[in-house]
C-alpha atoms as a PDB file:
ATOM      1  CA  MET A   1       0.000   0.000   0.000  1.00  0.00           C
ATOM      2  CA  GLU A   2       2.785   2.435   0.897  1.00  0.00           C
ATOM      3  CA  ALA A   3       4.650   1.599  -2.315  1.00  0.00           C
ATOM      4  CA  ALA A   4       1.513   2.220  -4.393  1.00  0.00           C
ATOM      5  CA  GLU A   5       0.909   5.560  -2.680  1.00  0.00           C
ATOM      6  CA  SER A   6       4.532   6.561  -3.189  1.00  0.00           C
ATOM      7  CA  SER A   7       4.269   5.723  -6.899  1.00  0.00           C
ATOM      8  CA  ARG A   8       1.002   7.657  -7.194  1.00  0.00           C
ATOM      9  CA  ARG A   9       2.479  10.741  -5.573  1.00  0.00           C
ATOM     10  CA  SER A  10       5.596  10.573  -7.731  1.00  0.00           C
ATOM     11  CA  VAL A  11       3.426  10.586 -10.863  1.00  0.00           C
ATOM     12  CA  VAL A  12       1.241  13.438  -9.570  1.00  0.00           C
ATOM     13  CA  GLU A  13       4.302  15.498  -8.681  1.00  0.00           C
ATOM     14  CA  GLY A  14       6.066  14.585 -11.920  1.00  0.00           C
ATOM     15  CA  LEU A  15       3.156  15.721 -14.086  1.00  0.00           C
ATOM     16  CA  ARG A  16       2.668  19.029 -12.261  1.00  0.00           C
ATOM     17  CA  PRO A  17       4.724  21.028 -14.812  1.00  0.00           C
ATOM     18  CA  THR A  18       2.320  19.893 -17.557  1.00  0.00           C
ATOM     19  CA  LEU A  19      -0.841  21.129 -15.823  1.00  0.00           C
ATOM     20  CA  PHE A  20      -3.041  23.461 -17.849  1.00  0.00           C
ATOM     21  CA  VAL A  21      -6.493  24.981 -17.511  1.00  0.00           C
ATOM     22  CA  THR A  22      -9.195  25.310 -20.148  1.00  0.00           C
ATOM     23  CA  LEU A  23     -11.756  28.070 -19.537  1.00  0.00           C
ATOM     24  CA  ARG A  24     -15.190  27.890 -21.128  1.00  0.00           C
ATOM     25  CA  THR A  25     -17.991  30.420 -21.067  1.00  0.00           C
ATOM     26  CA  ASP A  26     -21.249  31.159 -22.848  1.00  0.00           C
ATOM     27  CA  VAL A  27     -21.636  34.628 -24.331  1.00  0.00           C
ATOM     28  CA  ARG A  28     -25.325  35.463 -24.557  1.00  0.00           C
ATOM     29  CA  GLN A  29     -27.245  38.395 -25.930  1.00  0.00           C
ATOM     30  CA  SER A  30     -27.945  41.019 -23.299  1.00  0.00           C
ATOM     31  CA  SER A  31     -31.494  41.214 -22.042  1.00  0.00           C
ATOM     32  CA  HIS A  32     -33.300  44.552 -22.052  1.00  0.00           C
ATOM     33  CA  GLY A  33     -31.786  46.937 -19.538  1.00  0.00           C
ATOM     34  CA  SER A  34     -28.811  44.785 -18.577  1.00  0.00           C
ATOM     35  CA  THR A  35     -25.179  45.739 -18.950  1.00  0.00           C
ATOM     36  CA  PRO A  36     -23.187  43.465 -21.267  1.00  0.00           C
ATOM     37  CA  GLY A  37     -20.343  41.741 -19.470  1.00  0.00           C
ATOM     38  CA  ALA A  38     -21.311  42.901 -15.972  1.00  0.00           C
ATOM     39  CA  VAL A  39     -21.121  39.317 -14.701  1.00  0.00           C
ATOM     40  CA  GLN A  40     -19.673  36.379 -16.619  1.00  0.00           C
ATOM     41  CA  GLU A  41     -19.330  32.799 -15.425  1.00  0.00           C
ATOM     42  CA  TYR A  42     -16.445  30.546 -16.484  1.00  0.00           C
ATOM     43  CA  LEU A  43     -16.107  26.794 -16.125  1.00  0.00           C
ATOM     44  CA  ALA A  44     -12.524  25.651 -15.660  1.00  0.00           C
ATOM     45  CA  SER A  45     -11.307  22.200 -16.698  1.00  0.00           C
ATOM     46  CA  VAL A  46      -7.936  21.169 -15.274  1.00  0.00           C
ATOM     47  CA  HIS A  47      -5.712  18.692 -17.134  1.00  0.00           C
ATOM     48  CA  VAL A  48      -2.220  17.228 -17.102  1.00  0.00           C
ATOM     49  CA  GLU A  49      -0.523  15.528 -20.029  1.00  0.00           C
ATOM     50  CA  TRP A  50       2.151  12.958 -20.813  1.00  0.00           C
ATOM     51  CA  SER A  51       3.798  11.769 -23.991  1.00  0.00           C
ATOM     52  CA  PRO A  52       6.410   9.067 -24.694  1.00  0.00           C
ATOM     53  CA  ASP A  53       8.653  11.604 -26.436  1.00  0.00           C
ATOM     54  CA  ASP A  54       8.425  14.602 -24.123  1.00  0.00           C
ATOM     55  CA  GLY A  55       7.688  12.859 -20.838  1.00  0.00           C
ATOM     56  CA  PRO A  56       7.918  13.557 -18.036  1.00  0.00           C
ATOM     57  CA  ASP A  57       9.596  10.312 -17.030  1.00  0.00           C
ATOM     58  CA  VAL A  58       7.150   8.619 -14.645  1.00  0.00           C
ATOM     59  CA  ASP A  59       6.180   5.121 -13.538  1.00  0.00           C
ATOM     60  CA  LEU A  60       4.016   3.798 -16.399  1.00  0.00           C
ATOM     61  CA  ALA A  61       2.118   1.366 -14.175  1.00  0.00           C
ATOM     62  CA  ALA A  62       1.148   4.104 -11.718  1.00  0.00           C
ATOM     63  CA  LEU A  63       0.333   6.467 -14.589  1.00  0.00           C
ATOM     64  CA  SER A  64      -1.906   3.811 -16.139  1.00  0.00           C
ATOM     65  CA  THR A  65      -3.774   3.406 -12.850  1.00  0.00           C
ATOM     66  CA  LEU A  66      -4.355   7.139 -12.550  1.00  0.00           C
ATOM     67  CA  ALA A  67      -5.305   7.612 -16.199  1.00  0.00           C
ATOM     68  CA  HIS A  68      -7.499   4.484 -16.376  1.00  0.00           C
ATOM     69  CA  VAL A  69      -5.730   3.502 -19.591  1.00  0.00           C
ATOM     70  CA  ASP A  70      -2.647   1.447 -20.402  1.00  0.00           C
ATOM     71  CA  ALA A  71      -0.033   4.162 -20.883  1.00  0.00           C
ATOM     72  CA  ALA A  72       2.351   1.647 -22.477  1.00  0.00           C
ATOM     73  CA  THR A  73       0.120   1.512 -25.547  1.00  0.00           C
ATOM     74  CA  TYR A  74       1.125   5.113 -26.248  1.00  0.00           C
ATOM     75  CA  LEU A  75       4.722   4.060 -26.794  1.00  0.00           C
ATOM     76  CA  PRO A  76       5.539   4.512 -30.503  1.00  0.00           C
ATOM     77  CA  GLU A  77       6.862   0.989 -30.876  1.00  0.00           C
ATOM     78  CA  LEU A  78       3.474  -0.409 -29.840  1.00  0.00           C
ATOM     79  CA  SER A  79       0.998   1.819 -31.619  1.00  0.00           C
ATOM     80  CA  ARG A  80       0.909   4.557 -34.229  1.00  0.00           C
ATOM     81  CA  LEU A  81      -2.871   4.849 -34.078  1.00  0.00           C
ATOM     82  CA  LEU A  82      -3.187   6.593 -30.714  1.00  0.00           C
ATOM     83  CA  PRO A  83      -2.618  10.324 -30.183  1.00  0.00           C
ATOM     84  CA  GLU A  84       0.953  11.308 -29.388  1.00  0.00           C
ATOM     85  CA  THR A  85      -0.065  12.856 -26.069  1.00  0.00           C
ATOM     86  CA  LEU A  86      -2.141  11.382 -23.253  1.00  0.00           C
ATOM     87  CA  ILE A  87      -4.293  14.161 -21.771  1.00  0.00           C
ATOM     88  CA  MET A  88      -5.912  13.449 -18.414  1.00  0.00           C
ATOM     89  CA  PRO A  89      -8.656  15.457 -16.656  1.00  0.00           C
ATOM     90  CA  VAL A  90      -7.741  16.033 -13.023  1.00  0.00           C
ATOM     91  CA  GLY A  91     -10.227  18.603 -11.754  1.00  0.00           C
ATOM     92  CA  ASN A  92     -12.635  21.419 -12.436  1.00  0.00           C
ATOM     93  CA  GLY A  93     -13.616  24.802 -11.133  1.00  0.00           C
ATOM     94  CA  ARG A  94     -16.050  27.662 -11.453  1.00  0.00           C
ATOM     95  CA  LEU A  95     -15.029  31.312 -11.602  1.00  0.00           C
ATOM     96  CA  VAL A  96     -16.999  34.514 -12.106  1.00  0.00           C
ATOM     97  CA  THR A  97     -15.865  37.906 -13.379  1.00  0.00           C
ATOM     98  CA  ALA A  98     -17.798  40.946 -12.227  1.00  0.00           C
ATOM     99  CA  ASP A  99     -17.879  44.643 -13.049  1.00  0.00           C
ATOM    100  CA  LEU A 100     -18.306  45.944  -9.512  1.00  0.00           C
ATOM    101  CA  ARG A 101     -19.370  49.401 -10.689  1.00  0.00           C
ATOM    102  CA  SER A 102     -22.141  48.149 -12.939  1.00  0.00           C
ATOM    103  CA  GLU A 103     -25.715  48.738 -11.790  1.00  0.00           C
ATOM    104  CA  SER A 104     -26.568  45.167 -12.748  1.00  0.00           C
ATOM    105  CA  CYS A 105     -23.633  43.582 -10.910  1.00  0.00           C
ATOM    106  CA  TRP A 106     -25.532  42.529  -7.789  1.00  0.00           C
ATOM    107  CA  ASP A 107     -28.440  41.095  -9.742  1.00  0.00           C
ATOM    108  CA  GLY A 108     -26.037  39.089 -11.875  1.00  0.00           C
ATOM    109  CA  LEU A 109     -24.077  37.751  -8.905  1.00  0.00           C
ATOM    110  CA  SER A 110     -27.111  36.853  -6.820  1.00  0.00           C
ATOM    111  CA  ALA A 111     -28.567  34.961  -9.779  1.00  0.00           C
ATOM    112  CA  LEU A 112     -25.573  32.593  -9.658  1.00  0.00           C
ATOM    113  CA  GLY A 113     -26.373  31.284  -6.186  1.00  0.00           C
ATOM    114  CA  LEU A 114     -25.908  32.060  -2.513  1.00  0.00           C
ATOM    115  CA  ASP A 115     -22.200  31.220  -2.468  1.00  0.00           C
ATOM    116  CA  VAL A 116     -21.379  33.710  -5.234  1.00  0.00           C
ATOM    117  CA  ALA A 117     -23.746  36.275  -3.725  1.00  0.00           C
ATOM    118  CA  LEU A 118     -21.967  35.982  -0.359  1.00  0.00           C
ATOM    119  CA  VAL A 119     -18.629  36.928  -1.905  1.00  0.00           C
ATOM    120  CA  GLY A 120     -20.218  39.622  -4.053  1.00  0.00           C
ATOM    121  CA  GLU A 121     -21.919  41.221  -1.066  1.00  0.00           C
ATOM    122  CA  ALA A 122     -18.622  41.373   0.829  1.00  0.00           C
ATOM    123  CA  LEU A 123     -16.880  43.007  -2.138  1.00  0.00           C
ATOM    124  CA  LEU A 124     -19.622  45.529  -2.859  1.00  0.00           C
ATOM    125  CA  GLY A 125     -19.952  46.458   0.802  1.00  0.00           C
ATOM    126  CA  GLU A 126     -22.625  48.452   2.566  1.00  0.00           C
ATOM    127  CA  HIS A 127     -25.073  50.092   0.167  1.00  0.00           C
ATOM    128  CA  PHE A 128     -22.951  48.602  -2.666  1.00  0.00           C
ATOM    129  CA  GLU A 129     -20.624  51.606  -2.440  1.00  0.00           C
ATOM    130  CA  LEU A 130     -17.328  49.624  -2.436  1.00  0.00           C
ATOM    131  CA  ALA A 131     -16.183  51.588   0.614  1.00  0.00           C
ATOM    132  CA  GLU A 132     -14.531  48.668   2.398  1.00  0.00           C
ATOM    133  CA  LEU A 133     -12.762  47.498  -0.762  1.00  0.00           C
ATOM    134  CA  THR A 134     -11.469  50.909  -1.819  1.00  0.00           C
ATOM    135  CA  ALA A 135     -10.141  51.427   1.706  1.00  0.00           C
ATOM    136  CA  GLU A 136      -7.911  48.387   1.199  1.00  0.00           C
ATOM    137  CA  MET A 137      -6.794  48.804  -2.412  1.00  0.00           C
ATOM    138  CA  GLU A 138      -6.957  51.057  -5.444  1.00  0.00           C
ATOM    139  CA  LEU A 139      -9.614  50.055  -7.961  1.00  0.00           C
ATOM    140  CA  VAL A 140      -8.310  50.860 -11.421  1.00  0.00           C
ATOM    141  CA  HIS A 141     -10.669  48.678 -13.426  1.00  0.00           C
ATOM    142  CA  GLY A 142     -13.454  48.173 -10.908  1.00  0.00           C
ATOM    143  CA  ARG A 143     -13.566  44.476 -11.721  1.00  0.00           C
ATOM    144  CA  ALA A 144     -13.226  41.319  -9.639  1.00  0.00           C
ATOM    145  CA  VAL A 145     -12.733  37.612 -10.209  1.00  0.00           C
ATOM    146  CA  ILE A 146     -14.626  35.362  -7.812  1.00  0.00           C
ATOM    147  CA  VAL A 147     -13.226  31.869  -7.337  1.00  0.00           C
ATOM    148  CA  ASN A 148     -16.403  29.990  -6.538  1.00  0.00           C
ATOM    149  CA  SER A 149     -14.770  26.556  -6.602  1.00  0.00           C
ATOM    150  CA  MET A 150     -11.649  24.694  -7.657  1.00  0.00           C
ATOM    151  CA  GLU A 151     -11.681  20.966  -6.947  1.00  0.00           C
ATOM    152  CA  ILE A 152      -9.055  18.377  -7.810  1.00  0.00           C
ATOM    153  CA  SER A 153     -10.011  14.697  -8.071  1.00  0.00           C
ATOM    154  CA  PRO A 154      -8.847  12.739  -4.987  1.00  0.00           C
ATOM    155  CA  ASP A 155      -6.431  10.516  -6.920  1.00  0.00           C
ATOM    156  CA  TRP A 156      -4.619  13.598  -8.227  1.00  0.00           C
ATOM    157  CA  ARG A 157      -4.153  15.435  -4.946  1.00  0.00           C
ATOM    158  CA  GLY A 158      -0.862  15.981  -3.165  1.00  0.00           C
ATOM    159  CA  ALA A 159       0.997  18.408  -5.440  1.00  0.00           C
ATOM    160  CA  GLU A 160      -1.066  21.594  -5.000  1.00  0.00           C
ATOM    161  CA  TYR A 161      -2.814  21.274  -8.352  1.00  0.00           C
ATOM    162  CA  GLY A 162      -5.693  23.382  -7.021  1.00  0.00           C
ATOM    163  CA  LEU A 163      -3.477  26.346  -6.197  1.00  0.00           C
ATOM    164  CA  LEU A 164      -1.644  26.130  -9.505  1.00  0.00           C
ATOM    165  CA  ALA A 165      -4.864  25.831 -11.524  1.00  0.00           C
ATOM    166  CA  THR A 166      -6.356  28.813  -9.705  1.00  0.00           C
ATOM    167  CA  GLU A 167      -3.200  30.849 -10.281  1.00  0.00           C
ATOM    168  CA  LEU A 168      -3.306  30.084 -14.009  1.00  0.00           C
ATOM    169  CA  ALA A 169      -7.010  30.947 -14.257  1.00  0.00           C
ATOM    170  CA  LEU A 170      -6.478  34.229 -12.400  1.00  0.00           C
ATOM    171  CA  ARG A 171      -3.549  35.074 -14.636  1.00  0.00           C
ATOM    172  CA  GLU A 172      -5.939  34.995 -17.589  1.00  0.00           C
ATOM    173  CA  LEU A 173      -9.182  36.311 -16.106  1.00  0.00           C
ATOM    174  CA  GLY A 174      -7.454  38.871 -13.906  1.00  0.00           C
ATOM    175  CA  ARG A 175      -5.788  40.826 -16.702  1.00  0.00           C
ATOM    176  CA  CYS A 176      -8.272  43.678 -16.305  1.00  0.00           C
ATOM    177  CA  ALA A 177      -9.396  42.997 -12.743  1.00  0.00           C
ATOM    178  CA  ASP A 178      -8.257  44.539  -9.477  1.00  0.00           C
ATOM    179  CA  VAL A 179      -9.088  41.790  -7.022  1.00  0.00           C
ATOM    180  CA  ALA A 180      -9.757  38.072  -6.737  1.00  0.00           C
ATOM    181  CA  ALA A 181     -12.022  36.854  -3.968  1.00  0.00           C
ATOM    182  CA  LEU A 182     -13.417  33.659  -2.489  1.00  0.00           C
ATOM    183  CA  TYR A 183     -15.076  32.190   0.569  1.00  0.00           C
ATOM    184  CA  PRO A 184     -12.977  29.339   1.990  1.00  0.00           C
ATOM    185  CA  MET A 185     -15.479  26.532   2.417  1.00  0.00           C
ATOM    186  CA  GLN A 186     -15.858  22.927   1.338  1.00  0.00           C
ATOM    187  CA  PRO A 187     -19.066  22.403  -0.668  1.00  0.00           C
ATOM    188  CA  ASP A 188     -22.097  20.649   0.832  1.00  0.00           C
ATOM    189  CA  LEU A 189     -21.101  20.828   4.498  1.00  0.00           C
ATOM    190  CA  ALA A 190     -24.031  21.408   6.859  1.00  0.00           C
ATOM    191  CA  ASP A 191     -22.575  20.600  10.300  1.00  0.00           C
ATOM    192  CA  LEU A 192     -21.386  23.801  11.981  1.00  0.00           C
ATOM    193  CA  ASP A 193     -18.296  22.229  13.550  1.00  0.00           C
ATOM    194  CA  GLU A 194     -17.292  20.688  10.228  1.00  0.00           C
ATOM    195  CA  ARG A 195     -17.820  24.011   8.474  1.00  0.00           C
ATOM    196  CA  ALA A 196     -15.673  25.813  11.038  1.00  0.00           C
ATOM    197  CA  ALA A 197     -12.878  23.260  10.655  1.00  0.00           C
ATOM    198  CA  ALA A 198     -13.071  23.428   6.857  1.00  0.00           C
ATOM    199  CA  ASN A 199     -12.995  27.216   6.952  1.00  0.00           C
ATOM    200  CA  ARG A 200      -9.833  27.239   9.076  1.00  0.00           C
ATOM    201  CA  ALA A 201      -8.060  24.662   6.917  1.00  0.00           C
ATOM    202  CA  LEU A 202      -9.009  26.271   3.617  1.00  0.00           C
ATOM    203  CA  SER A 203      -8.106  29.746   4.872  1.00  0.00           C
ATOM    204  CA  GLN A 204      -4.571  28.478   5.450  1.00  0.00           C
ATOM    205  CA  TYR A 205      -4.613  26.747   2.062  1.00  0.00           C
ATOM    206  CA  TRP A 206      -5.635  29.835   0.085  1.00  0.00           C
ATOM    207  CA  ALA A 207      -3.286  32.052   2.077  1.00  0.00           C
ATOM    208  CA  ARG A 208      -0.439  30.228   0.338  1.00  0.00           C
ATOM    209  CA  LEU A 209      -1.576  31.890  -2.884  1.00  0.00           C
ATOM    210  CA  GLY A 210      -1.664  35.302  -1.215  1.00  0.00           C
ATOM    211  CA  PHE A 211      -5.327  35.565  -0.217  1.00  0.00           C
ATOM    212  CA  VAL A 212      -5.947  37.477   3.018  1.00  0.00           C
ATOM    213  CA  ASP A 213      -8.986  37.968   5.236  1.00  0.00           C
ATOM    214  CA  PHE A 214     -11.310  40.699   4.025  1.00  0.00           C
ATOM    215  CA  ASN A 215     -14.804  41.588   5.234  1.00  0.00           C
ATOM    216  CA  GLY A 216     -15.736  37.987   6.091  1.00  0.00           C
ATOM    217  CA  ILE A 217     -14.218  36.446   2.946  1.00  0.00           C
ATOM    218  CA  MET A 218     -10.698  36.279   1.479  1.00  0.00           C
ATOM    219  CA  ALA A 219      -9.312  38.626  -1.163  1.00  0.00           C
ATOM    220  CA  LEU A 220      -6.176  38.962  -3.261  1.00  0.00           C
ATOM    221  CA  ALA A 221      -5.033  42.223  -4.858  1.00  0.00           C
ATOM    222  CA  LEU A 222      -4.060  41.280  -8.403  1.00  0.00           C
ATOM    223  CA  HIS A 223      -1.839  44.149  -9.500  1.00  0.00           C
ATOM    224  CA  GLN A 224      -0.221  45.672  -6.428  1.00  0.00           C
END
């Protein structure tokens, strides 16, 4: 059991440099009276990849177990019919961009659920005047990226894929945003003690990416 876990972790750590994120969104026509682009939701798919030519050099048996496919069949001497690169899904996330100065921002955020609304309310502040946020940082663009979720499949955990995937997504979505924000909580927890424990653990986890406590949530200044 220990040997299998060691092999799994070595593969997960070895493939970390290949991790990439695909962002997908739907661009719809604006309804009457709404502001285009005030709130936009993105679905993030997280992948790693391996190829016989470019590597990385990992244990093929452990890789096969993780990928649910015989990685040896990708070796060129065995098959020319398969793709040259084995791409493996390892997680997914949900992020939201918001124009905090738009009149339709709150309506758009609250329509995406209570978890997004909670973060949005903390960012917008009392009377939606952004007073708390502007007291902490300069708002050049008036835009935020909300990290609603980023979850890595259990078999692929142990090499901080979640932090790396979030960093990559923020690098893209945060180009014209001032702040990233999230509420550190594990989904679907109802027990108060479990929620408190999850909040403490995840606060420490996200702090490693630079998030700090802000108005009941966590925030990260993107360009300071």
